[in-house]
Every structure is written in structure tokens, then in C-alpha cells.
Amino acid sequence: MSDEAHEQAMKQMGSWRERIDEIDLQLVKLFNERTQCAIEIGHIKKQLGLEIYSPSREAQVIANVTNANHGPLDAEAIRRLFERVIDEARRIERIHASKEEE
């Protein structure tokens, strides 16, 4: 690869990395917004005497996101990512619910 081609490729890679950094910041914002929604739902569940863990709702969320997915991530990758997102939201719901009991 020539020096010029190498420099051009490095610039392209830098541009893609900048875009990834921008997307990552958006994801952080969205993950936190989503988690705040889960916290609010947790408050309502507590008022209603419902459990935090809702397997049917989690299955519905997984179905929604895998059906909406058009790649390049495959359905299994989307499922794993959202299982983790849901696990973390449930963990935060539990923390907030236990603080209410104090």
C-alpha cells in the first residue's frame, strides 16, 4: 500500500471511529433514558404488588427488537444484547425498590 493510500485509509478509519464515538454517546443517553422508564415502572409495580421480574414482558421485548432488526447484527446478537440491557434495568429497579423500603 502506498503512503498516500495508507494515509487515506487512516483518515477513513478515523472518521468511522468518530461516528462510533458519537453513536456510543447516543446509546449511553438512550440506555439511561430506558432505565429511568424501568425505574418508574418499578414504582408502579410496587404500588400494585407485582414482581419486578416479568418473563412474559421480557419475551415480548425480545420479540419486538428481534422482529425489528434488519442487520447486520443477527437475531441472536440482538437477543443477547437486549437480555443484558433488561438484566441491568431489572437490577436498577431492584435497587430503587429496596431504597423505598428503607
N, C-alpha and C. Protein backbone atom coordinates (compact mmCIF):
# COMPACT_ATOMS: atom_id res chain seq x y z
N MET A 1 0.86 -1.17 0.00
CA MET A 1 0.00 0.00 0.00
C MET A 1 0.90 1.24 0.00
N SER A 2 0.58 2.17 -0.85
CA SER A 2 1.38 3.40 -0.93
C SER A 2 1.14 4.26 0.32
N ASP A 3 2.05 5.19 0.55
CA ASP A 3 1.89 6.10 1.70
C ASP A 3 0.61 6.90 1.59
N GLU A 4 0.27 7.32 0.37
CA GLU A 4 -0.95 8.11 0.16
C GLU A 4 -2.19 7.27 0.45
N ALA A 5 -2.20 6.03 -0.03
CA ALA A 5 -3.34 5.14 0.21
C ALA A 5 -3.45 4.82 1.70
N HIS A 6 -2.30 4.63 2.34
CA HIS A 6 -2.29 4.36 3.78
C HIS A 6 -2.86 5.54 4.55
N GLU A 7 -2.45 6.75 4.19
CA GLU A 7 -2.94 7.96 4.86
C GLU A 7 -4.44 8.12 4.65
N GLN A 8 -4.91 7.85 3.45
CA GLN A 8 -6.35 7.94 3.15
C GLN A 8 -7.13 6.92 3.96
N ALA A 9 -6.61 5.71 4.04
CA ALA A 9 -7.28 4.67 4.82
C ALA A 9 -7.33 5.04 6.30
N MET A 10 -6.24 5.63 6.81
CA MET A 10 -6.21 6.05 8.21
C MET A 10 -7.24 7.15 8.47
N LYS A 11 -7.40 8.07 7.54
CA LYS A 11 -8.40 9.14 7.67
C LYS A 11 -9.81 8.55 7.69
N GLN A 12 -10.04 7.59 6.78
CA GLN A 12 -11.36 6.94 6.74
C GLN A 12 -11.65 6.23 8.06
N MET A 13 -10.65 5.51 8.57
CA MET A 13 -10.83 4.81 9.83
C MET A 13 -11.11 5.81 10.95
N GLY A 14 -10.41 6.92 10.96
CA GLY A 14 -10.64 7.96 11.96
C GLY A 14 -12.06 8.50 11.89
N SER A 15 -12.55 8.71 10.68
CA SER A 15 -13.93 9.19 10.51
C SER A 15 -14.94 8.18 11.05
N TRP A 16 -14.73 6.91 10.75
CA TRP A 16 -15.64 5.87 11.25
C TRP A 16 -15.57 5.79 12.77
N ARG A 17 -14.38 5.94 13.33
CA ARG A 17 -14.25 5.90 14.79
C ARG A 17 -14.94 7.09 15.44
N GLU A 18 -14.86 8.24 14.81
CA GLU A 18 -15.59 9.42 15.32
C GLU A 18 -17.08 9.15 15.33
N ARG A 19 -17.57 8.54 14.27
CA ARG A 19 -19.00 8.22 14.18
C ARG A 19 -19.40 7.23 15.27
N ILE A 20 -18.55 6.22 15.50
CA ILE A 20 -18.82 5.26 16.57
C ILE A 20 -18.88 5.97 17.92
N ASP A 21 -17.95 6.90 18.16
CA ASP A 21 -17.95 7.65 19.42
C ASP A 21 -19.24 8.44 19.58
N GLU A 22 -19.73 9.05 18.50
CA GLU A 22 -20.99 9.79 18.55
C GLU A 22 -22.15 8.86 18.87
N ILE A 23 -22.18 7.72 18.22
CA ILE A 23 -23.25 6.74 18.45
C ILE A 23 -23.19 6.22 19.89
N ASP A 24 -21.98 5.96 20.38
CA ASP A 24 -21.84 5.49 21.76
C ASP A 24 -22.44 6.48 22.75
N LEU A 25 -22.21 7.76 22.53
CA LEU A 25 -22.78 8.78 23.42
C LEU A 25 -24.31 8.78 23.35
N GLN A 26 -24.84 8.57 22.14
CA GLN A 26 -26.30 8.48 22.00
C GLN A 26 -26.82 7.24 22.73
N LEU A 27 -26.09 6.13 22.61
CA LEU A 27 -26.51 4.91 23.29
C LEU A 27 -26.53 5.09 24.81
N VAL A 28 -25.50 5.75 25.35
CA VAL A 28 -25.47 6.00 26.79
C VAL A 28 -26.72 6.78 27.20
N LYS A 29 -27.03 7.81 26.45
CA LYS A 29 -28.22 8.63 26.75
C LYS A 29 -29.48 7.77 26.69
N LEU A 30 -29.61 6.97 25.64
CA LEU A 30 -30.80 6.14 25.47
C LEU A 30 -30.88 5.02 26.52
N PHE A 31 -29.74 4.40 26.85
CA PHE A 31 -29.75 3.38 27.90
C PHE A 31 -30.22 3.97 29.22
N ASN A 32 -29.73 5.16 29.55
CA ASN A 32 -30.15 5.80 30.79
C ASN A 32 -31.61 6.21 30.76
N GLU A 33 -32.07 6.70 29.62
CA GLU A 33 -33.49 7.05 29.48
C GLU A 33 -34.37 5.81 29.64
N ARG A 34 -33.95 4.72 29.00
CA ARG A 34 -34.69 3.47 29.10
C ARG A 34 -34.74 2.98 30.54
N THR A 35 -33.60 3.08 31.23
CA THR A 35 -33.53 2.63 32.61
C THR A 35 -34.41 3.49 33.51
N GLN A 36 -34.48 4.79 33.25
CA GLN A 36 -35.37 5.65 34.03
C GLN A 36 -36.82 5.21 33.85
N CYS A 37 -37.19 4.83 32.64
CA CYS A 37 -38.54 4.30 32.41
C CYS A 37 -38.77 3.04 33.23
N ALA A 38 -37.76 2.16 33.27
CA ALA A 38 -37.88 0.92 34.04
C ALA A 38 -38.03 1.22 35.53
N ILE A 39 -37.31 2.24 36.02
CA ILE A 39 -37.44 2.63 37.42
C ILE A 39 -38.87 3.07 37.72
N GLU A 40 -39.43 3.88 36.82
CA GLU A 40 -40.81 4.35 37.02
C GLU A 40 -41.79 3.18 36.98
N ILE A 41 -41.57 2.25 36.08
CA ILE A 41 -42.42 1.05 36.03
C ILE A 41 -42.27 0.26 37.32
N GLY A 42 -41.05 0.19 37.85
CA GLY A 42 -40.82 -0.50 39.11
C GLY A 42 -41.61 0.12 40.26
N HIS A 43 -41.71 1.45 40.29
CA HIS A 43 -42.52 2.12 41.32
C HIS A 43 -43.99 1.69 41.20
N ILE A 44 -44.46 1.65 39.98
CA ILE A 44 -45.87 1.26 39.75
C ILE A 44 -46.08 -0.20 40.12
N LYS A 45 -45.13 -1.07 39.75
CA LYS A 45 -45.24 -2.48 40.12
C LYS A 45 -45.32 -2.63 41.64
N LYS A 46 -44.50 -1.87 42.34
CA LYS A 46 -44.51 -1.93 43.80
C LYS A 46 -45.88 -1.53 44.34
N GLN A 47 -46.46 -0.45 43.80
CA GLN A 47 -47.79 0.00 44.24
C GLN A 47 -48.83 -1.07 44.00
N LEU A 48 -48.67 -1.80 42.90
CA LEU A 48 -49.64 -2.84 42.53
C LEU A 48 -49.34 -4.19 43.17
N GLY A 49 -48.20 -4.27 43.86
CA GLY A 49 -47.82 -5.54 44.48
C GLY A 49 -47.33 -6.57 43.49
N LEU A 50 -46.79 -6.11 42.36
CA LEU A 50 -46.29 -7.01 41.32
C LEU A 50 -44.80 -7.25 41.47
N GLU A 51 -44.35 -8.38 40.98
CA GLU A 51 -42.93 -8.71 40.98
C GLU A 51 -42.19 -7.86 39.93
N ILE A 52 -40.93 -7.59 40.21
CA ILE A 52 -40.11 -6.85 39.24
C ILE A 52 -39.90 -7.69 37.98
N TYR A 53 -39.60 -8.98 38.18
CA TYR A 53 -39.33 -9.87 37.05
C TYR A 53 -40.63 -10.26 36.37
N SER A 54 -40.71 -9.98 35.08
CA SER A 54 -41.90 -10.31 34.29
C SER A 54 -41.46 -11.05 33.02
N PRO A 55 -41.38 -12.38 33.09
CA PRO A 55 -40.90 -13.14 31.94
C PRO A 55 -41.69 -12.89 30.66
N SER A 56 -42.99 -12.74 30.76
CA SER A 56 -43.79 -12.54 29.55
C SER A 56 -43.47 -11.19 28.91
N ARG A 57 -43.29 -10.15 29.72
CA ARG A 57 -42.94 -8.84 29.18
C ARG A 57 -41.55 -8.88 28.55
N GLU A 58 -40.62 -9.54 29.21
CA GLU A 58 -39.27 -9.64 28.65
C GLU A 58 -39.28 -10.39 27.33
N ALA A 59 -40.07 -11.44 27.24
CA ALA A 59 -40.19 -12.18 25.97
C ALA A 59 -40.77 -11.27 24.89
N GLN A 60 -41.74 -10.44 25.27
CA GLN A 60 -42.35 -9.50 24.32
C GLN A 60 -41.31 -8.49 23.82
N VAL A 61 -40.49 -7.97 24.73
CA VAL A 61 -39.45 -7.00 24.35
C VAL A 61 -38.47 -7.66 23.38
N ILE A 62 -38.02 -8.86 23.72
CA ILE A 62 -37.07 -9.58 22.85
C ILE A 62 -37.69 -9.82 21.47
N ALA A 63 -38.94 -10.22 21.45
CA ALA A 63 -39.62 -10.45 20.17
C ALA A 63 -39.71 -9.15 19.37
N ASN A 64 -40.06 -8.05 20.05
CA ASN A 64 -40.17 -6.76 19.35
C ASN A 64 -38.85 -6.36 18.70
N VAL A 65 -37.77 -6.45 19.46
CA VAL A 65 -36.49 -5.97 18.91
C VAL A 65 -35.92 -6.93 17.88
N THR A 66 -36.10 -8.22 18.05
CA THR A 66 -35.58 -9.13 17.03
C THR A 66 -36.39 -9.03 15.74
N ASN A 67 -37.70 -8.79 15.85
CA ASN A 67 -38.52 -8.62 14.65
C ASN A 67 -38.21 -7.32 13.92
N ALA A 68 -37.80 -6.31 14.65
CA ALA A 68 -37.47 -5.01 14.04
C ALA A 68 -36.07 -4.99 13.43
N ASN A 69 -35.25 -5.97 13.78
CA ASN A 69 -33.86 -6.00 13.35
C ASN A 69 -33.72 -6.38 11.87
N HIS A 70 -32.91 -5.59 11.17
CA HIS A 70 -32.63 -5.88 9.76
C HIS A 70 -31.13 -6.00 9.50
N GLY A 71 -30.35 -6.20 10.58
CA GLY A 71 -28.93 -6.44 10.43
C GLY A 71 -28.11 -5.18 10.32
N PRO A 72 -26.83 -5.31 10.33
CA PRO A 72 -26.05 -6.53 10.14
C PRO A 72 -25.97 -7.45 11.36
N LEU A 73 -26.38 -7.01 12.54
CA LEU A 73 -26.43 -7.93 13.67
C LEU A 73 -27.52 -8.97 13.42
N ASP A 74 -27.22 -10.23 13.75
CA ASP A 74 -28.26 -11.24 13.58
C ASP A 74 -29.18 -11.26 14.80
N ALA A 75 -30.26 -12.00 14.69
CA ALA A 75 -31.28 -12.04 15.74
C ALA A 75 -30.71 -12.49 17.07
N GLU A 76 -29.80 -13.44 17.04
CA GLU A 76 -29.21 -13.95 18.28
C GLU A 76 -28.38 -12.87 18.97
N ALA A 77 -27.65 -12.07 18.21
CA ALA A 77 -26.87 -10.98 18.79
C ALA A 77 -27.79 -9.94 19.42
N ILE A 78 -28.86 -9.60 18.73
CA ILE A 78 -29.83 -8.64 19.27
C ILE A 78 -30.45 -9.19 20.55
N ARG A 79 -30.80 -10.46 20.53
CA ARG A 79 -31.38 -11.09 21.72
C ARG A 79 -30.42 -10.99 22.90
N ARG A 80 -29.16 -11.34 22.68
CA ARG A 80 -28.16 -11.29 23.77
C ARG A 80 -27.97 -9.86 24.28
N LEU A 81 -27.88 -8.90 23.39
CA LEU A 81 -27.71 -7.50 23.80
C LEU A 81 -28.88 -7.03 24.66
N PHE A 82 -30.09 -7.33 24.21
CA PHE A 82 -31.25 -6.87 24.96
C PHE A 82 -31.47 -7.65 26.24
N GLU A 83 -31.08 -8.89 26.28
CA GLU A 83 -31.14 -9.62 27.55
C GLU A 83 -30.27 -8.92 28.58
N ARG A 84 -29.11 -8.46 28.15
CA ARG A 84 -28.21 -7.76 29.07
C ARG A 84 -28.80 -6.41 29.49
N VAL A 85 -29.35 -5.67 28.53
CA VAL A 85 -29.99 -4.38 28.84
C VAL A 85 -31.12 -4.59 29.85
N ILE A 86 -31.93 -5.60 29.63
CA ILE A 86 -33.05 -5.91 30.52
C ILE A 86 -32.54 -6.31 31.90
N ASP A 87 -31.50 -7.14 31.94
CA ASP A 87 -30.93 -7.56 33.23
C ASP A 87 -30.47 -6.35 34.03
N GLU A 88 -29.81 -5.42 33.38
CA GLU A 88 -29.32 -4.23 34.09
C GLU A 88 -30.47 -3.34 34.54
N ALA A 89 -31.49 -3.20 33.72
CA ALA A 89 -32.66 -2.40 34.11
C ALA A 89 -33.35 -3.04 35.31
N ARG A 90 -33.47 -4.36 35.31
CA ARG A 90 -34.10 -5.07 36.42
C ARG A 90 -33.26 -4.89 37.70
N ARG A 91 -31.94 -4.92 37.57
CA ARG A 91 -31.05 -4.72 38.71
C ARG A 91 -31.28 -3.33 39.32
N ILE A 92 -31.37 -2.32 38.47
CA ILE A 92 -31.59 -0.95 38.95
C ILE A 92 -32.99 -0.83 39.57
N GLU A 93 -33.97 -1.47 38.96
CA GLU A 93 -35.33 -1.47 39.54
C GLU A 93 -35.29 -2.01 40.96
N ARG A 94 -34.57 -3.11 41.16
CA ARG A 94 -34.48 -3.73 42.49
C ARG A 94 -33.79 -2.80 43.48
N ILE A 95 -32.73 -2.15 43.05
CA ILE A 95 -32.02 -1.20 43.93
C ILE A 95 -32.96 -0.09 44.37
N HIS A 96 -33.70 0.47 43.43
CA HIS A 96 -34.63 1.56 43.76
C HIS A 96 -35.77 1.06 44.63
N ALA A 97 -36.25 -0.15 44.37
CA ALA A 97 -37.34 -0.71 45.18
C ALA A 97 -36.87 -0.93 46.62
N SER A 98 -35.63 -1.38 46.79
CA SER A 98 -35.12 -1.63 48.15
C SER A 98 -34.91 -0.31 48.88
N LYS A 99 -34.56 0.77 48.19
CA LYS A 99 -34.40 2.07 48.82
C LYS A 99 -35.73 2.60 49.32
N GLU A 100 -36.80 2.29 48.60
CA GLU A 100 -38.14 2.73 49.02
C GLU A 100 -38.56 2.05 50.31
N GLU A 101 -38.06 0.84 50.52
CA GLU A 101 -38.43 0.08 51.72
C GLU A 101 -37.71 0.59 52.96
N GLU A 102 -36.62 1.31 52.78
CA GLU A 102 -35.82 1.79 53.92
C GLU A 102 -36.50 2.93 54.63
